[in-house]
Amino acid sequence: MKVKDLALKDGFEVINEGDFDREITGAYCCDLLSWVMGRAPAGSAWLTVMGNMNAVAVAVLADISVIILAESAAVDQPAIAKAMQQGVNILKTSKPAFESALLIHECLS
């Protein structure tokens, strides 16, 4: 599944469109940035409530396909600017991280 396919699903809002043709290989849920840097598989859809510039930097370092802000978490303007500059995809949903991860898993299965 590509990021653009997920973005079209009900309940997702596009915050930043980077490379919407990137493949999503799985879902990863975590809010501890250092943990994500060391453990998130490349190509993952990262579900978090961290909507700051550091999250964008971690997404670049970990080669994340898309950051998904769960539970309507806010994203600040510097993070959006950095995501635009780095080509990082960001989506937002009101759903909890688990429900979104489950949806991604079902779409990939």
PDB file of N, CA and C in Angstrom:
ATOM      1  N   MET A   1       0.858  -1.179   0.000  1.00  0.00           N
ATOM      2  CA  MET A   1       0.000   0.000   0.000  1.00  0.00           C
ATOM      3  C   MET A   1       0.896   1.232   0.000  1.00  0.00           C
ATOM      4  N   LYS A   2       0.491   2.208  -0.751  1.00  0.00           N
ATOM      5  CA  LYS A   2       1.222   3.474  -0.806  1.00  0.00           C
ATOM      6  C   LYS A   2       0.594   4.485   0.151  1.00  0.00           C
ATOM      7  N   VAL A   3       1.380   5.506   0.498  1.00  0.00           N
ATOM      8  CA  VAL A   3       0.890   6.549   1.401  1.00  0.00           C
ATOM      9  C   VAL A   3      -0.367   7.193   0.829  1.00  0.00           C
ATOM     10  N   LYS A   4      -0.393   7.411  -0.482  1.00  0.00           N
ATOM     11  CA  LYS A   4      -1.571   8.054  -1.086  1.00  0.00           C
ATOM     12  C   LYS A   4      -2.830   7.201  -0.918  1.00  0.00           C
ATOM     13  N   ASP A   5      -2.677   5.880  -0.907  1.00  0.00           N
ATOM     14  CA  ASP A   5      -3.824   4.994  -0.699  1.00  0.00           C
ATOM     15  C   ASP A   5      -4.366   5.138   0.719  1.00  0.00           C
ATOM     16  N   LEU A   6      -3.464   5.227   1.680  1.00  0.00           N
ATOM     17  CA  LEU A   6      -3.880   5.405   3.070  1.00  0.00           C
ATOM     18  C   LEU A   6      -4.529   6.769   3.269  1.00  0.00           C
ATOM     19  N   ALA A   7      -3.978   7.785   2.629  1.00  0.00           N
ATOM     20  CA  ALA A   7      -4.503   9.144   2.776  1.00  0.00           C
ATOM     21  C   ALA A   7      -5.945   9.253   2.291  1.00  0.00           C
ATOM     22  N   LEU A   8      -6.339   8.379   1.377  1.00  0.00           N
ATOM     23  CA  LEU A   8      -7.709   8.398   0.845  1.00  0.00           C
ATOM     24  C   LEU A   8      -8.702   7.675   1.738  1.00  0.00           C
ATOM     25  N   LYS A   9      -8.204   6.912   2.701  1.00  0.00           N
ATOM     26  CA  LYS A   9      -9.099   6.164   3.594  1.00  0.00           C
ATOM     27  C   LYS A   9      -9.845   7.140   4.505  1.00  0.00           C
ATOM     28  N   ASP A  10     -11.056   6.752   4.870  1.00  0.00           N
ATOM     29  CA  ASP A  10     -11.891   7.565   5.743  1.00  0.00           C
ATOM     30  C   ASP A  10     -11.199   7.798   7.089  1.00  0.00           C
ATOM     31  N   GLY A  11     -11.196   9.036   7.525  1.00  0.00           N
ATOM     32  CA  GLY A  11     -10.658   9.368   8.835  1.00  0.00           C
ATOM     33  C   GLY A  11      -9.236   9.908   8.826  1.00  0.00           C
ATOM     34  N   PHE A  12      -8.623  10.033   7.645  1.00  0.00           N
ATOM     35  CA  PHE A  12      -7.264  10.557   7.567  1.00  0.00           C
ATOM     36  C   PHE A  12      -7.260  11.928   6.893  1.00  0.00           C
ATOM     37  N   GLU A  13      -6.487  12.827   7.449  1.00  0.00           N
ATOM     38  CA  GLU A  13      -6.345  14.187   6.922  1.00  0.00           C
ATOM     39  C   GLU A  13      -4.888  14.393   6.543  1.00  0.00           C
ATOM     40  N   VAL A  14      -4.645  14.973   5.376  1.00  0.00           N
ATOM     41  CA  VAL A  14      -3.284  15.239   4.926  1.00  0.00           C
ATOM     42  C   VAL A  14      -2.789  16.535   5.569  1.00  0.00           C
ATOM     43  N   ILE A  15      -1.661  16.427   6.267  1.00  0.00           N
ATOM     44  CA  ILE A  15      -1.003  17.605   6.842  1.00  0.00           C
ATOM     45  C   ILE A  15       0.138  18.050   5.934  1.00  0.00           C
ATOM     46  N   ASN A  16       0.914  17.085   5.452  1.00  0.00           N
ATOM     47  CA  ASN A  16       1.976  17.396   4.498  1.00  0.00           C
ATOM     48  C   ASN A  16       2.126  16.235   3.519  1.00  0.00           C
ATOM     49  N   GLU A  17       2.182  16.584   2.256  1.00  0.00           N
ATOM     50  CA  GLU A  17       2.395  15.590   1.212  1.00  0.00           C
ATOM     51  C   GLU A  17       3.833  15.670   0.755  1.00  0.00           C
ATOM     52  N   GLY A  18       4.592  14.645   1.105  1.00  0.00           N
ATOM     53  CA  GLY A  18       5.972  14.533   0.637  1.00  0.00           C
ATOM     54  C   GLY A  18       5.959  13.658  -0.602  1.00  0.00           C
ATOM     55  N   ASP A  19       6.459  12.433  -0.465  1.00  0.00           N
ATOM     56  CA  ASP A  19       6.417  11.447  -1.540  1.00  0.00           C
ATOM     57  C   ASP A  19       5.253  10.505  -1.270  1.00  0.00           C
ATOM     58  N   PHE A  20       4.090  10.823  -1.821  1.00  0.00           N
ATOM     59  CA  PHE A  20       2.888  10.031  -1.575  1.00  0.00           C
ATOM     60  C   PHE A  20       2.929   8.680  -2.286  1.00  0.00           C
ATOM     61  N   ASP A  21       3.938   8.433  -3.108  1.00  0.00           N
ATOM     62  CA  ASP A  21       4.079   7.143  -3.768  1.00  0.00           C
ATOM     63  C   ASP A  21       4.946   6.175  -2.964  1.00  0.00           C
ATOM     64  N   ARG A  22       5.388   6.586  -1.779  1.00  0.00           N
ATOM     65  CA  ARG A  22       6.177   5.683  -0.936  1.00  0.00           C
ATOM     66  C   ARG A  22       5.327   4.522  -0.464  1.00  0.00           C
ATOM     67  N   GLU A  23       5.926   3.360  -0.449  1.00  0.00           N
ATOM     68  CA  GLU A  23       5.263   2.156   0.037  1.00  0.00           C
ATOM     69  C   GLU A  23       5.275   2.139   1.568  1.00  0.00           C
ATOM     70  N   ILE A  24       4.184   1.673   2.136  1.00  0.00           N
ATOM     71  CA  ILE A  24       4.090   1.433   3.580  1.00  0.00           C
ATOM     72  C   ILE A  24       4.273  -0.067   3.780  1.00  0.00           C
ATOM     73  N   THR A  25       5.247  -0.434   4.605  1.00  0.00           N
ATOM     74  CA  THR A  25       5.558  -1.847   4.808  1.00  0.00           C
ATOM     75  C   THR A  25       4.975  -2.405   6.100  1.00  0.00           C
ATOM     76  N   GLY A  26       4.491  -1.520   6.975  1.00  0.00           N
ATOM     77  CA  GLY A  26       3.919  -1.947   8.245  1.00  0.00           C
ATOM     78  C   GLY A  26       3.581  -0.734   9.083  1.00  0.00           C
ATOM     79  N   ALA A  27       3.135  -0.979  10.296  1.00  0.00           N
ATOM     80  CA  ALA A  27       2.784   0.102  11.221  1.00  0.00           C
ATOM     81  C   ALA A  27       3.655  -0.011  12.463  1.00  0.00           C
ATOM     82  N   TYR A  28       4.039   1.135  13.013  1.00  0.00           N
ATOM     83  CA  TYR A  28       4.859   1.162  14.218  1.00  0.00           C
ATOM     84  C   TYR A  28       4.289   2.214  15.158  1.00  0.00           C
ATOM     85  N   CYS A  29       3.943   1.824  16.386  1.00  0.00           N
ATOM     86  CA  CYS A  29       3.349   2.729  17.371  1.00  0.00           C
ATOM     87  C   CYS A  29       4.339   2.996  18.488  1.00  0.00           C
ATOM     88  N   CYS A  30       4.679   4.259  18.692  1.00  0.00           N
ATOM     89  CA  CYS A  30       5.587   4.625  19.781  1.00  0.00           C
ATOM     90  C   CYS A  30       5.674   6.147  19.862  1.00  0.00           C
ATOM     91  N   ASP A  31       5.838   6.651  21.091  1.00  0.00           N
ATOM     92  CA  ASP A  31       6.001   8.090  21.282  1.00  0.00           C
ATOM     93  C   ASP A  31       7.386   8.471  21.800  1.00  0.00           C
ATOM     94  N   LEU A  32       8.225   7.506  22.052  1.00  0.00           N
ATOM     95  CA  LEU A  32       9.577   7.775  22.546  1.00  0.00           C
ATOM     96  C   LEU A  32      10.512   7.857  21.341  1.00  0.00           C
ATOM     97  N   LEU A  33      10.970   9.068  21.037  1.00  0.00           N
ATOM     98  CA  LEU A  33      11.706   9.312  19.799  1.00  0.00           C
ATOM     99  C   LEU A  33      12.958   8.455  19.668  1.00  0.00           C
ATOM    100  N   SER A  34      13.729   8.323  20.725  1.00  0.00           N
ATOM    101  CA  SER A  34      14.953   7.524  20.645  1.00  0.00           C
ATOM    102  C   SER A  34      14.630   6.055  20.386  1.00  0.00           C
ATOM    103  N   TRP A  35      13.522   5.590  20.896  1.00  0.00           N
ATOM    104  CA  TRP A  35      13.082   4.209  20.682  1.00  0.00           C
ATOM    105  C   TRP A  35      12.730   4.003  19.205  1.00  0.00           C
ATOM    106  N   VAL A  36      12.032   4.970  18.636  1.00  0.00           N
ATOM    107  CA  VAL A  36      11.634   4.897  17.224  1.00  0.00           C
ATOM    108  C   VAL A  36      12.875   4.911  16.334  1.00  0.00           C
ATOM    109  N   MET A  37      13.833   5.757  16.656  1.00  0.00           N
ATOM    110  CA  MET A  37      15.056   5.840  15.856  1.00  0.00           C
ATOM    111  C   MET A  37      15.760   4.497  15.755  1.00  0.00           C
ATOM    112  N   GLY A  38      15.779   3.770  16.840  1.00  0.00           N
ATOM    113  CA  GLY A  38      16.505   2.513  16.862  1.00  0.00           C
ATOM    114  C   GLY A  38      15.712   1.284  16.486  1.00  0.00           C
ATOM    115  N   ARG A  39      14.391   1.391  16.473  1.00  0.00           N
ATOM    116  CA  ARG A  39      13.587   0.178  16.308  1.00  0.00           C
ATOM    117  C   ARG A  39      12.550   0.196  15.188  1.00  0.00           C
ATOM    118  N   ALA A  40      12.131   1.344  14.742  1.00  0.00           N
ATOM    119  CA  ALA A  40      11.095   1.378  13.697  1.00  0.00           C
ATOM    120  C   ALA A  40      11.667   0.868  12.375  1.00  0.00           C
ATOM    121  N   PRO A  41      11.011  -0.105  11.766  1.00  0.00           N
ATOM    122  CA  PRO A  41      11.489  -0.601  10.471  1.00  0.00           C
ATOM    123  C   PRO A  41      11.336   0.464   9.379  1.00  0.00           C
ATOM    124  N   ALA A  42      12.297   0.524   8.493  1.00  0.00           N
ATOM    125  CA  ALA A  42      12.210   1.449   7.355  1.00  0.00           C
ATOM    126  C   ALA A  42      10.934   1.160   6.583  1.00  0.00           C
ATOM    127  N   GLY A  43      10.295   2.206   6.112  1.00  0.00           N
ATOM    128  CA  GLY A  43       9.069   2.061   5.341  1.00  0.00           C
ATOM    129  C   GLY A  43       7.797   2.006   6.168  1.00  0.00           C
ATOM    130  N   SER A  44       7.947   2.099   7.480  1.00  0.00           N
ATOM    131  CA  SER A  44       6.783   2.014   8.369  1.00  0.00           C
ATOM    132  C   SER A  44       5.917   3.263   8.311  1.00  0.00           C
ATOM    133  N   ALA A  45       4.651   3.061   8.669  1.00  0.00           N
ATOM    134  CA  ALA A  45       3.759   4.167   9.008  1.00  0.00           C
ATOM    135  C   ALA A  45       3.918   4.317  10.525  1.00  0.00           C
ATOM    136  N   TRP A  46       4.417   5.440  10.963  1.00  0.00           N
ATOM    137  CA  TRP A  46       4.707   5.676  12.384  1.00  0.00           C
ATOM    138  C   TRP A  46       3.521   6.387  13.019  1.00  0.00           C
ATOM    139  N   LEU A  47       2.873   5.739  13.967  1.00  0.00           N
ATOM    140  CA  LEU A  47       1.738   6.313  14.679  1.00  0.00           C
ATOM    141  C   LEU A  47       2.215   6.886  15.995  1.00  0.00           C
ATOM    142  N   THR A  48       1.938   8.162  16.220  1.00  0.00           N
ATOM    143  CA  THR A  48       2.439   8.875  17.376  1.00  0.00           C
ATOM    144  C   THR A  48       1.545  10.065  17.699  1.00  0.00           C
ATOM    145  N   VAL A  49       1.807  10.690  18.824  1.00  0.00           N
ATOM    146  CA  VAL A  49       1.166  11.963  19.161  1.00  0.00           C
ATOM    147  C   VAL A  49       2.200  13.095  19.173  1.00  0.00           C
ATOM    148  N   MET A  50       3.412  12.772  18.741  1.00  0.00           N
ATOM    149  CA  MET A  50       4.499  13.748  18.727  1.00  0.00           C
ATOM    150  C   MET A  50       4.463  14.552  17.430  1.00  0.00           C
ATOM    151  N   GLY A  51       4.006  15.776  17.507  1.00  0.00           N
ATOM    152  CA  GLY A  51       3.873  16.604  16.315  1.00  0.00           C
ATOM    153  C   GLY A  51       4.843  17.762  16.304  1.00  0.00           C
ATOM    154  N   ASN A  52       6.111  17.467  16.547  1.00  0.00           N
ATOM    155  CA  ASN A  52       7.102  18.545  16.562  1.00  0.00           C
ATOM    156  C   ASN A  52       8.232  18.260  15.571  1.00  0.00           C
ATOM    157  N   MET A  53       9.154  19.208  15.464  1.00  0.00           N
ATOM    158  CA  MET A  53      10.244  19.108  14.509  1.00  0.00           C
ATOM    159  C   MET A  53      11.136  17.899  14.784  1.00  0.00           C
ATOM    160  N   ASN A  54      11.272  17.518  16.051  1.00  0.00           N
ATOM    161  CA  ASN A  54      12.093  16.349  16.373  1.00  0.00           C
ATOM    162  C   ASN A  54      11.496  15.068  15.784  1.00  0.00           C
ATOM    163  N   ALA A  55      10.183  14.983  15.755  1.00  0.00           N
ATOM    164  CA  ALA A  55       9.531  13.819  15.163  1.00  0.00           C
ATOM    165  C   ALA A  55       9.840  13.739  13.666  1.00  0.00           C
ATOM    166  N   VAL A  56       9.858  14.867  13.006  1.00  0.00           N
ATOM    167  CA  VAL A  56      10.181  14.893  11.578  1.00  0.00           C
ATOM    168  C   VAL A  56      11.623  14.428  11.368  1.00  0.00           C
ATOM    169  N   ALA A  57      12.531  14.891  12.215  1.00  0.00           N
ATOM    170  CA  ALA A  57      13.932  14.472  12.109  1.00  0.00           C
ATOM    171  C   ALA A  57      14.066  12.962  12.313  1.00  0.00           C
ATOM    172  N   VAL A  58      13.351  12.423  13.277  1.00  0.00           N
ATOM    173  CA  VAL A  58      13.389  10.980  13.528  1.00  0.00           C
ATOM    174  C   VAL A  58      12.829  10.217  12.327  1.00  0.00           C
ATOM    175  N   ALA A  59      11.766  10.719  11.739  1.00  0.00           N
ATOM    176  CA  ALA A  59      11.182  10.062  10.561  1.00  0.00           C
ATOM    177  C   ALA A  59      12.196   9.997   9.418  1.00  0.00           C
ATOM    178  N   VAL A  60      12.968  11.049   9.251  1.00  0.00           N
ATOM    179  CA  VAL A  60      14.000  11.060   8.202  1.00  0.00           C
ATOM    180  C   VAL A  60      15.090  10.048   8.538  1.00  0.00           C
ATOM    181  N   LEU A  61      15.578  10.081   9.770  1.00  0.00           N
ATOM    182  CA  LEU A  61      16.655   9.169  10.184  1.00  0.00           C
ATOM    183  C   LEU A  61      16.245   7.705  10.110  1.00  0.00           C
ATOM    184  N   ALA A  62      15.005   7.408  10.459  1.00  0.00           N
ATOM    185  CA  ALA A  62      14.520   6.023  10.480  1.00  0.00           C
ATOM    186  C   ALA A  62      13.926   5.589   9.141  1.00  0.00           C
ATOM    187  N   ASP A  63      13.912   6.480   8.165  1.00  0.00           N
ATOM    188  CA  ASP A  63      13.356   6.199   6.839  1.00  0.00           C
ATOM    189  C   ASP A  63      11.891   5.752   6.913  1.00  0.00           C
ATOM    190  N   ILE A  64      11.118   6.508   7.695  1.00  0.00           N
ATOM    191  CA  ILE A  64       9.688   6.264   7.877  1.00  0.00           C
ATOM    192  C   ILE A  64       8.942   6.742   6.626  1.00  0.00           C
ATOM    193  N   SER A  65       7.944   5.972   6.195  1.00  0.00           N
ATOM    194  CA  SER A  65       7.159   6.368   5.008  1.00  0.00           C
ATOM    195  C   SER A  65       6.187   7.495   5.310  1.00  0.00           C
ATOM    196  N   VAL A  66       5.578   7.466   6.507  1.00  0.00           N
ATOM    197  CA  VAL A  66       4.586   8.481   6.858  1.00  0.00           C
ATOM    198  C   VAL A  66       4.469   8.570   8.377  1.00  0.00           C
ATOM    199  N   ILE A  67       4.382   9.783   8.865  1.00  0.00           N
ATOM    200  CA  ILE A  67       4.033  10.016  10.267  1.00  0.00           C
ATOM    201  C   ILE A  67       2.518  10.153  10.317  1.00  0.00           C
ATOM    202  N   ILE A  68       1.888   9.424  11.218  1.00  0.00           N
ATOM    203  CA  ILE A  68       0.444   9.554  11.414  1.00  0.00           C
ATOM    204  C   ILE A  68       0.215  10.049  12.830  1.00  0.00           C
ATOM    205  N   LEU A  69      -0.331  11.237  12.941  1.00  0.00           N
ATOM    206  CA  LEU A  69      -0.653  11.809  14.242  1.00  0.00           C
ATOM    207  C   LEU A  69      -1.997  11.262  14.691  1.00  0.00           C
ATOM    208  N   ALA A  70      -1.960  10.447  15.730  1.00  0.00           N
ATOM    209  CA  ALA A  70      -3.161   9.783  16.234  1.00  0.00           C
ATOM    210  C   ALA A  70      -3.914  10.684  17.206  1.00  0.00           C
ATOM    211  N   GLU A  71      -5.172  10.373  17.415  1.00  0.00           N
ATOM    212  CA  GLU A  71      -6.034  11.040  18.391  1.00  0.00           C
ATOM    213  C   GLU A  71      -6.065  12.560  18.227  1.00  0.00           C
ATOM    214  N   SER A  72      -6.021  13.004  16.979  1.00  0.00           N
ATOM    215  CA  SER A  72      -6.072  14.432  16.623  1.00  0.00           C
ATOM    216  C   SER A  72      -4.962  15.249  17.271  1.00  0.00           C
ATOM    217  N   ALA A  73      -3.808  14.619  17.478  1.00  0.00           N
ATOM    218  CA  ALA A  73      -2.669  15.328  18.070  1.00  0.00           C
ATOM    219  C   ALA A  73      -2.272  16.500  17.172  1.00  0.00           C
ATOM    220  N   ALA A  74      -1.873  17.577  17.806  1.00  0.00           N
ATOM    221  CA  ALA A  74      -1.494  18.789  17.077  1.00  0.00           C
ATOM    222  C   ALA A  74      -0.086  18.649  16.499  1.00  0.00           C
ATOM    223  N   VAL A  75       0.126  19.326  15.404  1.00  0.00           N
ATOM    224  CA  VAL A  75       1.464  19.428  14.812  1.00  0.00           C
ATOM    225  C   VAL A  75       1.790  20.914  14.721  1.00  0.00           C
ATOM    226  N   ASP A  76       2.995  21.277  15.163  1.00  0.00           N
ATOM    227  CA  ASP A  76       3.329  22.703  15.158  1.00  0.00           C
ATOM    228  C   ASP A  76       3.859  23.141  13.786  1.00  0.00           C
ATOM    229  N   GLN A  77       3.806  24.441  13.562  1.00  0.00           N
ATOM    230  CA  GLN A  77       4.185  25.004  12.256  1.00  0.00           C
ATOM    231  C   GLN A  77       5.642  24.737  11.898  1.00  0.00           C
ATOM    232  N   PRO A  78       6.599  24.839  12.834  1.00  0.00           N
ATOM    233  CA  PRO A  78       7.982  24.499  12.463  1.00  0.00           C
ATOM    234  C   PRO A  78       8.123  23.051  11.984  1.00  0.00           C
ATOM    235  N   ALA A  79       7.345  22.146  12.545  1.00  0.00           N
ATOM    236  CA  ALA A  79       7.394  20.746  12.110  1.00  0.00           C
ATOM    237  C   ALA A  79       6.861  20.607  10.688  1.00  0.00           C
ATOM    238  N   ILE A  80       5.796  21.310  10.381  1.00  0.00           N
ATOM    239  CA  ILE A  80       5.243  21.264   9.029  1.00  0.00           C
ATOM    240  C   ILE A  80       6.246  21.832   8.021  1.00  0.00           C
ATOM    241  N   ALA A  81       6.881  22.940   8.388  1.00  0.00           N
ATOM    242  CA  ALA A  81       7.883  23.553   7.510  1.00  0.00           C
ATOM    243  C   ALA A  81       9.045  22.591   7.267  1.00  0.00           C
ATOM    244  N   LYS A  82       9.503  21.920   8.314  1.00  0.00           N
ATOM    245  CA  LYS A  82      10.602  20.960   8.192  1.00  0.00           C
ATOM    246  C   LYS A  82      10.169  19.750   7.363  1.00  0.00           C
ATOM    247  N   ALA A  83       8.940  19.297   7.545  1.00  0.00           N
ATOM    248  CA  ALA A  83       8.428  18.177   6.758  1.00  0.00           C
ATOM    249  C   ALA A  83       8.362  18.540   5.280  1.00  0.00           C
ATOM    250  N   MET A  84       7.961  19.746   4.973  1.00  0.00           N
ATOM    251  CA  MET A  84       7.923  20.207   3.583  1.00  0.00           C
ATOM    252  C   MET A  84       9.333  20.219   3.001  1.00  0.00           C
ATOM    253  N   GLN A  85      10.265  20.718   3.774  1.00  0.00           N
ATOM    254  CA  GLN A  85      11.657  20.809   3.335  1.00  0.00           C
ATOM    255  C   GLN A  85      12.265  19.413   3.118  1.00  0.00           C
ATOM    256  N   GLN A  86      11.940  18.469   3.996  1.00  0.00           N
ATOM    257  CA  GLN A  86      12.534  17.135   3.949  1.00  0.00           C
ATOM    258  C   GLN A  86      11.702  16.127   3.153  1.00  0.00           C
ATOM    259  N   GLY A  87      10.519  16.521   2.715  1.00  0.00           N
ATOM    260  CA  GLY A  87       9.663  15.619   1.948  1.00  0.00           C
ATOM    261  C   GLY A  87       9.036  14.518   2.779  1.00  0.00           C
ATOM    262  N   VAL A  88       8.724  14.822   4.037  1.00  0.00           N
ATOM    263  CA  VAL A  88       8.139  13.840   4.950  1.00  0.00           C
ATOM    264  C   VAL A  88       6.613  13.908   4.874  1.00  0.00           C
ATOM    265  N   ASN A  89       5.992  12.759   4.660  1.00  0.00           N
ATOM    266  CA  ASN A  89       4.532  12.672   4.645  1.00  0.00           C
ATOM    267  C   ASN A  89       4.004  12.720   6.075  1.00  0.00           C
ATOM    268  N   ILE A  90       2.960  13.515   6.294  1.00  0.00           N
ATOM    269  CA  ILE A  90       2.301  13.562   7.595  1.00  0.00           C
ATOM    270  C   ILE A  90       0.789  13.493   7.382  1.00  0.00           C
ATOM    271  N   LEU A  91       0.167  12.548   8.062  1.00  0.00           N
ATOM    272  CA  LEU A  91      -1.283  12.436   8.090  1.00  0.00           C
ATOM    273  C   LEU A  91      -1.757  12.599   9.522  1.00  0.00           C
ATOM    274  N   LYS A  92      -3.036  12.892   9.679  1.00  0.00           N
ATOM    275  CA  LYS A  92      -3.632  13.063  11.002  1.00  0.00           C
ATOM    276  C   LYS A  92      -4.946  12.282  11.033  1.00  0.00           C
ATOM    277  N   THR A  93      -5.256  11.720  12.205  1.00  0.00           N
ATOM    278  CA  THR A  93      -6.508  11.003  12.382  1.00  0.00           C
ATOM    279  C   THR A  93      -7.019  11.206  13.800  1.00  0.00           C
ATOM    280  N   SER A  94      -8.309  11.118  13.967  1.00  0.00           N
ATOM    281  CA  SER A  94      -8.887  11.202  15.310  1.00  0.00           C
ATOM    282  C   SER A  94      -8.868   9.829  15.985  1.00  0.00           C
ATOM    283  N   LYS A  95      -8.585   8.781  15.215  1.00  0.00           N
ATOM    284  CA  LYS A  95      -8.565   7.421  15.749  1.00  0.00           C
ATOM    285  C   LYS A  95      -7.362   7.209  16.674  1.00  0.00           C
ATOM    286  N   PRO A  96      -7.492   6.299  17.632  1.00  0.00           N
ATOM    287  CA  PRO A  96      -6.332   5.919  18.444  1.00  0.00           C
ATOM    288  C   PRO A  96      -5.274   5.225  17.578  1.00  0.00           C
ATOM    289  N   ALA A  97      -4.049   5.221  18.053  1.00  0.00           N
ATOM    290  CA  ALA A  97      -2.949   4.616  17.310  1.00  0.00           C
ATOM    291  C   ALA A  97      -3.227   3.148  17.009  1.00  0.00           C
ATOM    292  N   PHE A  98      -3.750   2.412  17.987  1.00  0.00           N
ATOM    293  CA  PHE A  98      -4.000   0.984  17.789  1.00  0.00           C
ATOM    294  C   PHE A  98      -4.974   0.737  16.642  1.00  0.00           C
ATOM    295  N   GLU A  99      -6.064   1.481  16.615  1.00  0.00           N
ATOM    296  CA  GLU A  99      -7.063   1.289  15.561  1.00  0.00           C
ATOM    297  C   GLU A  99      -6.484   1.599  14.185  1.00  0.00           C
ATOM    298  N   SER A 100      -5.681   2.646  14.110  1.00  0.00           N
ATOM    299  CA  SER A 100      -5.062   3.004  12.834  1.00  0.00           C
ATOM    300  C   SER A 100      -4.047   1.955  12.412  1.00  0.00           C
ATOM    301  N   ALA A 101      -3.265   1.459  13.358  1.00  0.00           N
ATOM    302  CA  ALA A 101      -2.289   0.416  13.058  1.00  0.00           C
ATOM    303  C   ALA A 101      -2.996  -0.853  12.579  1.00  0.00           C
ATOM    304  N   LEU A 102      -4.096  -1.168  13.202  1.00  0.00           N
ATOM    305  CA  LEU A 102      -4.877  -2.343  12.801  1.00  0.00           C
ATOM    306  C   LEU A 102      -5.407  -2.192  11.378  1.00  0.00           C
ATOM    307  N   LEU A 103      -5.894  -0.995  11.051  1.00  0.00           N
ATOM    308  CA  LEU A 103      -6.359  -0.722   9.688  1.00  0.00           C
ATOM    309  C   LEU A 103      -5.228  -0.906   8.677  1.00  0.00           C
ATOM    310  N   ILE A 104      -4.064  -0.389   8.996  1.00  0.00           N
ATOM    311  CA  ILE A 104      -2.910  -0.528   8.098  1.00  0.00           C
ATOM    312  C   ILE A 104      -2.553  -1.993   7.936  1.00  0.00           C
ATOM    313  N   HIS A 105      -2.520  -2.721   9.044  1.00  0.00           N
ATOM    314  CA  HIS A 105      -2.207  -4.141   9.006  1.00  0.00           C
ATOM    315  C   HIS A 105      -3.210  -4.900   8.124  1.00  0.00           C
ATOM    316  N   GLU A 106      -4.482  -4.593   8.263  1.00  0.00           N
ATOM    317  CA  GLU A 106      -5.515  -5.255   7.464  1.00  0.00           C
ATOM    318  C   GLU A 106      -5.359  -4.933   5.975  1.00  0.00           C
ATOM    319  N   CYS A 107      -4.987  -3.696   5.681  1.00  0.00           N
ATOM    320  CA  CYS A 107      -4.797  -3.306   4.279  1.00  0.00           C
ATOM    321  C   CYS A 107      -3.580  -4.003   3.662  1.00  0.00           C
ATOM    322  N   LEU A 108      -2.589  -4.273   4.478  1.00  0.00           N
ATOM    323  CA  LEU A 108      -1.370  -4.928   3.982  1.00  0.00           C
ATOM    324  C   LEU A 108      -1.507  -6.446   3.904  1.00  0.00           C
ATOM    325  N   SER A 109      -2.491  -6.989   4.613  1.00  0.00           N
ATOM    326  CA  SER A 109      -2.643  -8.461   4.654  1.00  0.00           C
ATOM    327  C   SER A 109      -3.389  -8.987   3.448  1.00  0.00           C
TER     328      SER A 109
END
